[in-house]
C-alpha atoms as a PDB file:
ATOM      1  CA  MET A   1       0.000   0.000   0.000  1.00  0.00           C
ATOM      2  CA  ALA A   2       1.134   3.531  -0.729  1.00  0.00           C
ATOM      3  CA  ARG A   3       2.256   5.223   2.486  1.00  0.00           C
ATOM      4  CA  LYS A   4       1.023   8.793   1.980  1.00  0.00           C
ATOM      5  CA  ILE A   5      -2.351   9.010   0.230  1.00  0.00           C
ATOM      6  CA  VAL A   6      -4.501  12.003  -0.585  1.00  0.00           C
ATOM      7  CA  VAL A   7      -8.212  11.168  -0.804  1.00  0.00           C
ATOM      8  CA  THR A   8     -10.374  13.768  -2.517  1.00  0.00           C
ATOM      9  CA  GLY A   9     -14.106  13.947  -1.936  1.00  0.00           C
ATOM     10  CA  ALA A  10     -13.480  12.660   1.576  1.00  0.00           C
ATOM     11  CA  GLY A  11     -16.973  13.557   2.756  1.00  0.00           C
ATOM     12  CA  GLY A  12     -18.502  11.203   0.218  1.00  0.00           C
ATOM     13  CA  PHE A  13     -19.789   7.668   0.213  1.00  0.00           C
ATOM     14  CA  VAL A  14     -16.889   5.861  -1.452  1.00  0.00           C
ATOM     15  CA  ALA A  15     -14.172   7.868   0.290  1.00  0.00           C
ATOM     16  CA  GLY A  16     -15.699   6.963   3.647  1.00  0.00           C
ATOM     17  CA  SER A  17     -15.049   3.296   2.919  1.00  0.00           C
ATOM     18  CA  ILE A  18     -11.443   4.083   1.987  1.00  0.00           C
ATOM     19  CA  LEU A  19     -10.786   6.078   5.158  1.00  0.00           C
ATOM     20  CA  ALA A  20     -12.441   3.484   7.375  1.00  0.00           C
ATOM     21  CA  GLN A  21     -10.458   0.558   5.954  1.00  0.00           C
ATOM     22  CA  ALA A  22      -6.968   1.965   5.393  1.00  0.00           C
ATOM     23  CA  GLY A  23      -4.395   0.255   7.566  1.00  0.00           C
ATOM     24  CA  PRO A  24      -2.280   2.000  10.205  1.00  0.00           C
ATOM     25  CA  GLU A  25       0.681   2.100   7.820  1.00  0.00           C
ATOM     26  CA  ALA A  26      -1.117   4.616   5.601  1.00  0.00           C
ATOM     27  CA  LYS A  27      -0.822   8.334   6.216  1.00  0.00           C
ATOM     28  CA  LEU A  28      -4.094   9.701   4.869  1.00  0.00           C
ATOM     29  CA  HIS A  29      -4.796  13.278   3.829  1.00  0.00           C
ATOM     30  CA  ALA A  30      -8.561  13.642   3.522  1.00  0.00           C
ATOM     31  CA  VAL A  31      -9.757  16.529   1.351  1.00  0.00           C
ATOM     32  CA  THR A  32     -13.309  17.766   1.845  1.00  0.00           C
ATOM     33  CA  ARG A  33     -15.279  20.977   1.705  1.00  0.00           C
ATOM     34  CA  GLY A  34     -16.964  20.114   5.018  1.00  0.00           C
ATOM     35  CA  LYS A  35     -15.964  19.144   8.522  1.00  0.00           C
ATOM     36  CA  PRO A  36     -13.819  16.138   9.475  1.00  0.00           C
ATOM     37  CA  LEU A  37     -15.890  12.966   9.713  1.00  0.00           C
ATOM     38  CA  LEU A  38     -13.420  10.759  11.558  1.00  0.00           C
ATOM     39  CA  GLU A  39     -10.764  11.827  14.019  1.00  0.00           C
ATOM     40  CA  ARG A  40      -8.065   9.216  14.434  1.00  0.00           C
ATOM     41  CA  PRO A  41      -4.286   8.959  14.215  1.00  0.00           C
ATOM     42  CA  GLY A  42      -3.097   8.700  10.644  1.00  0.00           C
ATOM     43  CA  ILE A  43      -5.752  10.959   9.083  1.00  0.00           C
ATOM     44  CA  VAL A  44      -5.139  14.659   8.445  1.00  0.00           C
ATOM     45  CA  TRP A  45      -8.140  16.644   7.217  1.00  0.00           C
ATOM     46  CA  HIS A  46      -7.958  19.515   4.749  1.00  0.00           C
ATOM     47  CA  ALA A  47     -10.993  21.764   4.250  1.00  0.00           C
ATOM     48  CA  VAL A  48     -10.794  22.794   0.600  1.00  0.00           C
ATOM     49  CA  ASP A  49     -13.521  24.023  -1.711  1.00  0.00           C
ATOM     50  CA  PRO A  50     -13.248  22.080  -4.979  1.00  0.00           C
ATOM     51  CA  GLY A  51     -13.614  25.075  -7.311  1.00  0.00           C
ATOM     52  CA  ASP A  52     -11.585  24.396 -10.430  1.00  0.00           C
ATOM     53  CA  GLY A  53      -9.192  22.119  -8.573  1.00  0.00           C
ATOM     54  CA  THR A  54      -6.442  24.678  -8.102  1.00  0.00           C
ATOM     55  CA  PRO A  55      -6.433  24.549  -4.253  1.00  0.00           C
ATOM     56  CA  VAL A  56      -6.236  20.751  -4.283  1.00  0.00           C
ATOM     57  CA  ALA A  57      -3.470  20.817  -6.896  1.00  0.00           C
ATOM     58  CA  GLU A  58      -1.517  23.204  -4.669  1.00  0.00           C
ATOM     59  CA  LEU A  59      -2.056  20.817  -1.758  1.00  0.00           C
ATOM     60  CA  ILE A  60      -0.719  17.891  -3.816  1.00  0.00           C
ATOM     61  CA  HIS A  61       2.365  19.920  -4.732  1.00  0.00           C
ATOM     62  CA  SER A  62       2.872  20.726  -1.057  1.00  0.00           C
ATOM     63  CA  LEU A  63       2.321  17.213   0.308  1.00  0.00           C
ATOM     64  CA  ARG A  64       3.986  15.260  -2.521  1.00  0.00           C
ATOM     65  CA  PRO A  65       2.013  12.096  -1.724  1.00  0.00           C
ATOM     66  CA  ASP A  66       2.737   8.609  -2.993  1.00  0.00           C
ATOM     67  CA  ALA A  67      -0.787   8.406  -4.410  1.00  0.00           C
ATOM     68  CA  VAL A  68      -4.021  10.315  -4.862  1.00  0.00           C
ATOM     69  CA  ILE A  69      -7.382   8.531  -4.855  1.00  0.00           C
ATOM     70  CA  HIS A  70      -9.663  10.943  -6.665  1.00  0.00           C
ATOM     71  CA  THR A  71     -13.274  10.243  -5.686  1.00  0.00           C
ATOM     72  CA  ALA A  72     -14.496  13.850  -5.732  1.00  0.00           C
ATOM     73  CA  ALA A  73     -17.272  14.432  -8.272  1.00  0.00           C
ATOM     74  CA  ILE A  74     -20.861  15.484  -8.671  1.00  0.00           C
ATOM     75  CA  ALA A  75     -22.370  12.054  -9.202  1.00  0.00           C
ATOM     76  CA  ASP A  76     -26.068  12.979  -9.184  1.00  0.00           C
ATOM     77  CA  ILE A  77     -27.030  12.328 -12.800  1.00  0.00           C
ATOM     78  CA  ASP A  78     -30.103  14.558 -12.805  1.00  0.00           C
ATOM     79  CA  TYR A  79     -28.319  17.403 -11.005  1.00  0.00           C
ATOM     80  CA  CYS A  80     -25.524  17.313 -13.581  1.00  0.00           C
ATOM     81  CA  GLU A  81     -28.045  17.478 -16.401  1.00  0.00           C
ATOM     82  CA  ALA A  82     -29.596  20.618 -14.920  1.00  0.00           C
ATOM     83  CA  HIS A  83     -26.360  22.283 -13.696  1.00  0.00           C
ATOM     84  CA  ARG A  84     -23.933  21.713 -16.523  1.00  0.00           C
ATOM     85  CA  ASP A  85     -21.464  24.478 -15.722  1.00  0.00           C
ATOM     86  CA  GLU A  86     -21.000  23.226 -12.172  1.00  0.00           C
ATOM     87  CA  ALA A  87     -20.742  19.606 -13.320  1.00  0.00           C
ATOM     88  CA  GLU A  88     -18.131  20.605 -15.897  1.00  0.00           C
ATOM     89  CA  ARG A  89     -16.108  22.516 -13.304  1.00  0.00           C
ATOM     90  CA  VAL A  90     -16.108  19.803 -10.634  1.00  0.00           C
ATOM     91  CA  ASN A  91     -16.011  16.658 -12.759  1.00  0.00           C
ATOM     92  CA  VAL A  92     -13.681  17.822 -15.526  1.00  0.00           C
ATOM     93  CA  ALA A  93     -11.653  20.909 -14.529  1.00  0.00           C
ATOM     94  CA  TYR A  94     -11.057  19.606 -11.004  1.00  0.00           C
ATOM     95  CA  THR A  95      -9.847  16.279 -12.405  1.00  0.00           C
ATOM     96  CA  ARG A  96      -7.577  18.038 -14.894  1.00  0.00           C
ATOM     97  CA  ALA A  97      -5.902  19.960 -12.073  1.00  0.00           C
ATOM     98  CA  VAL A  98      -5.469  16.827  -9.952  1.00  0.00           C
ATOM     99  CA  ALA A  99      -4.069  14.788 -12.850  1.00  0.00           C
ATOM    100  CA  ARG A 100      -1.547  17.461 -13.796  1.00  0.00           C
ATOM    101  CA  ALA A 101      -0.449  17.891 -10.190  1.00  0.00           C
ATOM    102  CA  CYS A 102       0.076  14.136  -9.882  1.00  0.00           C
ATOM    103  CA  ALA A 103       2.111  14.107 -13.092  1.00  0.00           C
ATOM    104  CA  ALA A 104       4.238  17.015 -11.883  1.00  0.00           C
ATOM    105  CA  THR A 105       4.973  15.489  -8.468  1.00  0.00           C
ATOM    106  CA  GLY A 106       5.245  11.836  -9.495  1.00  0.00           C
ATOM    107  CA  ALA A 107       2.221  10.791  -7.450  1.00  0.00           C
ATOM    108  CA  ARG A 108       0.207   7.807  -8.604  1.00  0.00           C
ATOM    109  CA  LEU A 109      -3.388   8.668  -9.473  1.00  0.00           C
ATOM    110  CA  VAL A 110      -6.399   6.414  -8.952  1.00  0.00           C
ATOM    111  CA  HIS A 111      -9.281   8.169 -10.668  1.00  0.00           C
ATOM    112  CA  CYS A 112     -12.847   7.011 -10.052  1.00  0.00           C
ATOM    113  CA  SER A 113     -14.962   6.977 -13.188  1.00  0.00           C
ATOM    114  CA  THR A 114     -18.323   5.316 -13.833  1.00  0.00           C
ATOM    115  CA  ASP A 115     -20.191   2.646 -15.755  1.00  0.00           C
ATOM    116  CA  THR A 116     -22.330   5.472 -17.167  1.00  0.00           C
ATOM    117  CA  VAL A 117     -19.698   6.225 -19.815  1.00  0.00           C
ATOM    118  CA  PHE A 118     -21.414   3.457 -21.845  1.00  0.00           C
ATOM    119  CA  ASP A 119     -24.716   3.647 -23.717  1.00  0.00           C
ATOM    120  CA  GLY A 120     -26.107   0.394 -22.304  1.00  0.00           C
ATOM    121  CA  GLU A 121     -26.882  -1.275 -25.607  1.00  0.00           C
ATOM    122  CA  THR A 122     -24.808  -4.420 -25.028  1.00  0.00           C
ATOM    123  CA  GLY A 123     -23.826  -4.842 -21.363  1.00  0.00           C
ATOM    124  CA  LEU A 124     -20.924  -6.730 -19.799  1.00  0.00           C
ATOM    125  CA  TYR A 125     -18.572  -4.072 -21.118  1.00  0.00           C
ATOM    126  CA  PRO A 126     -14.840  -4.818 -21.125  1.00  0.00           C
ATOM    127  CA  GLU A 127     -12.341  -2.042 -20.518  1.00  0.00           C
ATOM    128  CA  ASP A 128     -11.637  -1.487 -24.230  1.00  0.00           C
ATOM    129  CA  ALA A 129     -15.284  -1.092 -25.275  1.00  0.00           C
ATOM    130  CA  PRO A 130     -16.093   2.238 -26.999  1.00  0.00           C
ATOM    131  CA  VAL A 131     -17.626   4.841 -24.699  1.00  0.00           C
ATOM    132  CA  HIS A 132     -20.883   6.559 -25.636  1.00  0.00           C
ATOM    133  CA  PRO A 133     -22.634   8.276 -22.715  1.00  0.00           C
ATOM    134  CA  LEU A 134     -26.350   9.079 -22.836  1.00  0.00           C
ATOM    135  CA  ASN A 135     -26.379  11.899 -20.265  1.00  0.00           C
ATOM    136  CA  PHE A 136     -24.255  14.903 -19.344  1.00  0.00           C
ATOM    137  CA  TYR A 137     -22.862  13.258 -16.224  1.00  0.00           C
ATOM    138  CA  GLY A 138     -21.486  10.465 -18.381  1.00  0.00           C
ATOM    139  CA  GLU A 139     -20.052  13.034 -20.791  1.00  0.00           C
ATOM    140  CA  THR A 140     -18.164  14.782 -17.981  1.00  0.00           C
ATOM    141  CA  LYS A 141     -16.724  11.479 -16.794  1.00  0.00           C
ATOM    142  CA  VAL A 142     -15.541  10.599 -20.306  1.00  0.00           C
ATOM    143  CA  ARG A 143     -13.765  13.940 -20.511  1.00  0.00           C
ATOM    144  CA  ALA A 144     -12.316  13.439 -17.041  1.00  0.00           C
ATOM    145  CA  GLU A 145     -10.872  10.094 -18.171  1.00  0.00           C
ATOM    146  CA  GLN A 146      -9.320  11.868 -21.142  1.00  0.00           C
ATOM    147  CA  GLU A 147      -7.732  14.444 -18.836  1.00  0.00           C
ATOM    148  CA  VAL A 148      -6.172  11.688 -16.735  1.00  0.00           C
ATOM    149  CA  ARG A 149      -4.698   9.989 -19.789  1.00  0.00           C
ATOM    150  CA  ALA A 150      -3.509  13.272 -21.312  1.00  0.00           C
ATOM    151  CA  ALA A 151      -1.591  14.171 -18.156  1.00  0.00           C
ATOM    152  CA  GLY A 152       0.671  11.199 -18.799  1.00  0.00           C
ATOM    153  CA  THR A 153       0.866  10.276 -15.139  1.00  0.00           C
ATOM    154  CA  ASN A 154       1.209   6.905 -13.410  1.00  0.00           C
ATOM    155  CA  ALA A 155      -2.529   6.365 -13.265  1.00  0.00           C
ATOM    156  CA  VAL A 156      -5.448   3.997 -13.315  1.00  0.00           C
ATOM    157  CA  VAL A 157      -8.958   4.905 -14.400  1.00  0.00           C
ATOM    158  CA  ALA A 158     -11.221   2.824 -12.176  1.00  0.00           C
ATOM    159  CA  ARG A 159     -14.685   2.605 -13.684  1.00  0.00           C
ATOM    160  CA  VAL A 160     -17.053   1.955 -10.814  1.00  0.00           C
ATOM    161  CA  ALA A 161     -20.408   0.204 -11.127  1.00  0.00           C
ATOM    162  CA  LEU A 162     -23.528   1.114  -9.169  1.00  0.00           C
ATOM    163  CA  VAL A 163     -22.327   1.236  -5.555  1.00  0.00           C
ATOM    164  CA  MET A 164     -24.234  -0.728  -2.932  1.00  0.00           C
ATOM    165  CA  GLY A 165     -23.567   0.071   0.674  1.00  0.00           C
ATOM    166  CA  LEU A 166     -24.157   2.054   3.810  1.00  0.00           C
ATOM    167  CA  PRO A 167     -22.385   5.361   4.434  1.00  0.00           C
ATOM    168  CA  VAL A 168     -19.868   4.400   7.102  1.00  0.00           C
ATOM    169  CA  LEU A 169     -18.794   8.053   7.419  1.00  0.00           C
ATOM    170  CA  GLY A 170     -21.043  10.998   6.669  1.00  0.00           C
ATOM    171  CA  VAL A 171     -24.230  10.613   4.675  1.00  0.00           C
ATOM    172  CA  GLY A 172     -23.285   9.944   1.088  1.00  0.00           C
ATOM    173  CA  ASN A 173     -25.635   8.868  -1.672  1.00  0.00           C
ATOM    174  CA  SER A 174     -26.665   5.405  -0.508  1.00  0.00           C
ATOM    175  CA  PHE A 175     -29.656   3.789  -2.194  1.00  0.00           C
ATOM    176  CA  LEU A 176     -29.310   0.895   0.268  1.00  0.00           C
ATOM    177  CA  ALA A 177     -29.754   3.155   3.297  1.00  0.00           C
ATOM    178  CA  LYS A 178     -32.903   4.656   1.783  1.00  0.00           C
ATOM    179  CA  MET A 179     -34.242   1.188   0.964  1.00  0.00           C
ATOM    180  CA  ILE A 180     -33.657  -0.190   4.455  1.00  0.00           C
ATOM    181  CA  ALA A 181     -35.372   2.824   6.012  1.00  0.00           C
ATOM    182  CA  ALA A 182     -38.403   2.193   3.798  1.00  0.00           C
ATOM    183  CA  PHE A 183     -38.404  -1.543   4.541  1.00  0.00           C
ATOM    184  CA  LYS A 184     -38.347  -0.907   8.291  1.00  0.00           C
ATOM    185  CA  GLU A 185     -41.449   1.257   7.943  1.00  0.00           C
ATOM    186  CA  GLY A 186     -43.174  -1.278   5.724  1.00  0.00           C
ATOM    187  CA  ARG A 187     -43.187   1.100   2.761  1.00  0.00           C
ATOM    188  CA  GLU A 188     -42.902  -0.050  -0.822  1.00  0.00           C
ATOM    189  CA  VAL A 189     -39.732   0.734  -2.753  1.00  0.00           C
ATOM    190  CA  GLY A 190     -40.172   1.567  -6.427  1.00  0.00           C
ATOM    191  CA  VAL A 191     -37.273   0.407  -8.588  1.00  0.00           C
ATOM    192  CA  PRO A 192     -36.631   0.839 -12.339  1.00  0.00           C
ATOM    193  CA  PRO A 193     -37.277  -2.600 -13.890  1.00  0.00           C
ATOM    194  CA  ASN A 194     -35.300  -2.156 -17.109  1.00  0.00           C
ATOM    195  CA  GLU A 195     -31.949  -0.964 -15.782  1.00  0.00           C
ATOM    196  CA  ILE A 196     -29.333  -3.731 -15.584  1.00  0.00           C
ATOM    197  CA  ARG A 197     -26.278  -3.210 -13.432  1.00  0.00           C
ATOM    198  CA  SER A 198     -23.388  -5.115 -11.831  1.00  0.00           C
ATOM    199  CA  ALA A 199     -23.453  -3.404  -8.443  1.00  0.00           C
ATOM    200  CA  VAL A 200     -20.277  -3.354  -6.369  1.00  0.00           C
ATOM    201  CA  ASP A 201     -20.400  -3.224  -2.583  1.00  0.00           C
ATOM    202  CA  VAL A 202     -18.742  -0.192  -1.051  1.00  0.00           C
ATOM    203  CA  ALA A 203     -16.589  -2.240   1.329  1.00  0.00           C
ATOM    204  CA  THR A 204     -14.946  -4.190  -1.498  1.00  0.00           C
ATOM    205  CA  LEU A 205     -14.666  -1.023  -3.567  1.00  0.00           C
ATOM    206  CA  GLY A 206     -12.795   0.819  -0.827  1.00  0.00           C
ATOM    207  CA  LEU A 207     -10.279  -2.006  -0.449  1.00  0.00           C
ATOM    208  CA  ALA A 208      -9.796  -2.284  -4.213  1.00  0.00           C
ATOM    209  CA  LEU A 209      -9.078   1.438  -4.538  1.00  0.00           C
ATOM    210  CA  LEU A 210      -6.598   1.280  -1.670  1.00  0.00           C
ATOM    211  CA  GLU A 211      -4.877  -1.665  -3.318  1.00  0.00           C
ATOM    212  CA  LEU A 212      -4.709   0.179  -6.642  1.00  0.00           C
ATOM    213  CA  ALA A 213      -3.047   3.140  -4.908  1.00  0.00           C
ATOM    214  CA  GLY A 214       0.010   0.971  -4.354  1.00  0.00           C
ATOM    215  CA  HIS A 215      -0.301  -1.352  -7.343  1.00  0.00           C
ATOM    216  CA  PRO A 216       1.841  -1.201 -10.504  1.00  0.00           C
ATOM    217  CA  PHE A 217      -1.151  -1.570 -12.840  1.00  0.00           C
ATOM    218  CA  THR A 218      -1.805   1.373 -15.158  1.00  0.00           C
ATOM    219  CA  GLY A 219      -4.678   1.852 -17.572  1.00  0.00           C
ATOM    220  CA  THR A 220      -8.401   1.254 -17.163  1.00  0.00           C
ATOM    221  CA  MET A 221      -9.983  -1.250 -14.797  1.00  0.00           C
ATOM    222  CA  HIS A 222     -13.625  -2.096 -14.139  1.00  0.00           C
ATOM    223  CA  LEU A 223     -14.600  -2.464 -10.490  1.00  0.00           C
ATOM    224  CA  SER A 224     -17.957  -4.189 -10.258  1.00  0.00           C
ATOM    225  CA  GLY A 225     -19.731  -6.997  -8.489  1.00  0.00           C
ATOM    226  CA  ASN A 226     -19.894 -10.502  -9.900  1.00  0.00           C
ATOM    227  CA  ASP A 227     -23.652 -10.445 -10.549  1.00  0.00           C
ATOM    228  CA  ARG A 228     -25.334  -8.889 -13.592  1.00  0.00           C
ATOM    229  CA  GLN A 229     -28.991  -8.258 -12.851  1.00  0.00           C
ATOM    230  CA  SER A 230     -31.838  -5.791 -13.093  1.00  0.00           C
ATOM    231  CA  ARG A 231     -32.156  -3.295 -10.304  1.00  0.00           C
ATOM    232  CA  VAL A 232     -35.455  -4.921  -9.314  1.00  0.00           C
ATOM    233  CA  ASP A 233     -33.781  -8.302  -8.916  1.00  0.00           C
ATOM    234  CA  LEU A 234     -30.924  -6.689  -6.990  1.00  0.00           C
ATOM    235  CA  VAL A 235     -33.231  -4.976  -4.513  1.00  0.00           C
ATOM    236  CA  ARG A 236     -35.348  -8.098  -4.071  1.00  0.00           C
ATOM    237  CA  ARG A 237     -32.238 -10.114  -3.254  1.00  0.00           C
ATOM    238  CA  VAL A 238     -31.196  -7.473  -0.754  1.00  0.00           C
ATOM    239  CA  ALA A 239     -34.646  -7.488   0.869  1.00  0.00           C
ATOM    240  CA  ARG A 240     -34.658 -11.292   1.091  1.00  0.00           C
ATOM    241  CA  HIS A 241     -31.146 -11.413   2.534  1.00  0.00           C
ATOM    242  CA  LEU A 242     -32.028  -8.838   5.188  1.00  0.00           C
ATOM    243  CA  GLY A 243     -35.286 -10.575   6.111  1.00  0.00           C
ATOM    244  CA  TYR A 244     -37.765  -8.124   4.583  1.00  0.00           C
ATOM    245  CA  PRO A 245     -40.693  -9.094   2.306  1.00  0.00           C
ATOM    246  CA  GLU A 246     -39.765  -9.070  -1.368  1.00  0.00           C
ATOM    247  CA  SER A 247     -43.296  -7.826  -2.033  1.00  0.00           C
ATOM    248  CA  LEU A 248     -42.191  -4.399  -0.814  1.00  0.00           C
ATOM    249  CA  VAL A 249     -40.061  -4.105  -3.972  1.00  0.00           C
ATOM    250  CA  VAL A 250     -42.219  -2.960  -6.882  1.00  0.00           C
ATOM    251  CA  PRO A 251     -41.168  -2.223 -10.474  1.00  0.00           C
ATOM    252  CA  LYS A 252     -41.632   1.467 -11.237  1.00  0.00           C
ATOM    253  CA  ASP A 253     -41.005   3.042 -14.605  1.00  0.00           C
ATOM    254  CA  PRO A 254     -39.198   6.333 -13.946  1.00  0.00           C
ATOM    255  CA  GLY A 255     -39.575   7.549 -17.520  1.00  0.00           C
ATOM    256  CA  ASN A 256     -42.322  10.037 -16.673  1.00  0.00           C
ATOM    257  CA  ILE A 257     -40.423  11.747 -13.838  1.00  0.00           C
ATOM    258  CA  PRO A 258     -39.904  15.426 -14.803  1.00  0.00           C
ATOM    259  CA  GLY A 259     -36.263  16.431 -15.163  1.00  0.00           C
ATOM    260  CA  ARG A 260     -34.912  12.894 -15.110  1.00  0.00           C
ATOM    261  CA  ALA A 261     -31.889  12.541 -17.374  1.00  0.00           C
ATOM    262  CA  PRO A 262     -31.632   9.568 -19.749  1.00  0.00           C
ATOM    263  CA  ARG A 263     -30.253   6.374 -18.232  1.00  0.00           C
ATOM    264  CA  PRO A 264     -28.516   3.558 -20.123  1.00  0.00           C
ATOM    265  CA  ARG A 265     -30.299   0.214 -20.092  1.00  0.00           C
ATOM    266  CA  ASP A 266     -27.478  -2.239 -19.396  1.00  0.00           C
ATOM    267  CA  VAL A 267     -24.117  -0.931 -18.213  1.00  0.00           C
ATOM    268  CA  SER A 268     -23.012  -4.097 -16.453  1.00  0.00           C
ATOM    269  CA  LEU A 269     -19.222  -4.312 -16.400  1.00  0.00           C
ATOM    270  CA  ASP A 270     -16.900  -7.220 -17.115  1.00  0.00           C
ATOM    271  CA  ASN A 271     -14.667  -7.419 -14.030  1.00  0.00           C
ATOM    272  CA  THR A 272     -12.369 -10.184 -15.314  1.00  0.00           C
ATOM    273  CA  LEU A 273      -9.341  -7.889 -15.281  1.00  0.00           C
ATOM    274  CA  ALA A 274      -9.932  -6.847 -11.669  1.00  0.00           C
ATOM    275  CA  ARG A 275     -10.405 -10.453 -10.549  1.00  0.00           C
ATOM    276  CA  ARG A 276      -7.218 -11.457 -12.349  1.00  0.00           C
ATOM    277  CA  THR A 277      -5.090  -8.511 -11.193  1.00  0.00           C
ATOM    278  CA  LEU A 278      -6.111  -7.613  -7.656  1.00  0.00           C
ATOM    279  CA  SER A 279      -5.847  -9.579  -4.448  1.00  0.00           C
ATOM    280  CA  THR A 280      -9.064  -7.897  -3.280  1.00  0.00           C
ATOM    281  CA  PRO A 281     -11.784 -10.414  -4.235  1.00  0.00           C
ATOM    282  CA  MET A 282     -14.824  -9.111  -6.063  1.00  0.00           C
ATOM    283  CA  ALA A 283     -18.118 -10.282  -4.548  1.00  0.00           C
ATOM    284  CA  GLY A 284     -21.617 -11.356  -5.458  1.00  0.00           C
ATOM    285  CA  THR A 285     -24.705  -9.629  -4.085  1.00  0.00           C
ATOM    286  CA  GLU A 286     -25.205 -11.428  -0.785  1.00  0.00           C
ATOM    287  CA  GLU A 287     -21.503 -11.675   0.036  1.00  0.00           C
ATOM    288  CA  GLY A 288     -21.040  -8.001  -0.777  1.00  0.00           C
ATOM    289  CA  LEU A 289     -23.987  -7.059   1.412  1.00  0.00           C
ATOM    290  CA  ASP A 290     -22.492  -9.024   4.306  1.00  0.00           C
ATOM    291  CA  ARG A 291     -19.205  -7.156   3.824  1.00  0.00           C
ATOM    292  CA  VAL A 292     -21.074  -3.834   3.934  1.00  0.00           C
ATOM    293  CA  LEU A 293     -22.875  -4.734   7.151  1.00  0.00           C
ATOM    294  CA  ALA A 294     -19.639  -5.942   8.759  1.00  0.00           C
ATOM    295  CA  LEU A 295     -17.854  -2.707   7.815  1.00  0.00           C
ATOM    296  CA  GLU A 296     -20.710  -0.601   9.145  1.00  0.00           C
ATOM    297  CA  ARG A 297     -20.670  -2.455  12.489  1.00  0.00           C
ATOM    298  CA  LYS A 298     -16.880  -2.214  12.741  1.00  0.00           C
ATOM    299  CA  THR A 299     -16.868   1.508  11.965  1.00  0.00           C
ATOM    300  CA  ARG A 300     -19.674   2.210  14.401  1.00  0.00           C
ATOM    301  CA  ARG A 301     -17.799   0.408  17.186  1.00  0.00           C
ATOM    302  CA  GLY A 302     -14.599   2.268  16.298  1.00  0.00           C
ATOM    303  CA  ALA A 303     -16.373   5.612  16.481  1.00  0.00           C
ATOM    304  CA  GLN A 304     -17.419   4.792  20.044  1.00  0.00           C
ATOM    305  CA  ASP A 305     -13.849   4.048  21.127  1.00  0.00           C
ATOM    306  CA  PRO A 306     -11.722   6.923  22.456  1.00  0.00           C
ATOM    307  CA  VAL A 307      -9.110   8.254  20.069  1.00  0.00           C
END
């Protein structure tokens, strides 16, 4: 594992998993626009507004880390569609600044991209499949990938599938947390029936990104779960595994929701390269869910312990 790691977007869902699981040998510099979410030895927090990435680039030049895990982004697809200037600034310009700073300082860059760079017409996409995004969020992530490659740095573009998990630090954008809250109240959960994904659990994802920070692999890698399934089937399996009635999961066509950006049909990812390259094992749905619950319990206990 890289010894000194900068983690951008540290107040987010994925970064929380990274911070919670990094070993004591890692010196973490967590970059967020908000307040520190976890006080413990080995983590230094930096309150930085993302802007165009210049403040973070200056921080990278100052710290000269071994690696940067770049999770910071506006990942809300509909928000990006409606706020294109902001999405362009955070998802593209910010990434450009980070990539160039990494190239200038010799830091390894692990850049988090998305399965939404694909149009969803075929599914089970390998890393070399042509990209063709259907929404503006996907467009910004394609351009961000191009910025990483153009910087010529020691880098990996990690395309991340739909992330399943609980926010171990902060709030994050967790569909699982919203689902469980609804299940506990006996409310139905409406799920798009025609969207096929290969969801990755956030616990496995955090470990894989940490491993990539110190790994010699360069290029593009798909980080996804082992199961390709519709979102309805995914949520029903989650409900069953957690002991809730599957009848609470109802197919709901989101096509008539005002302001909803286009979604690709099937952006399942082929994770053969990740399974062959990394020691972090990719997981199926139930195993991944168990890993998420174990991480959430471990983090909750740790937060109760004195620093």
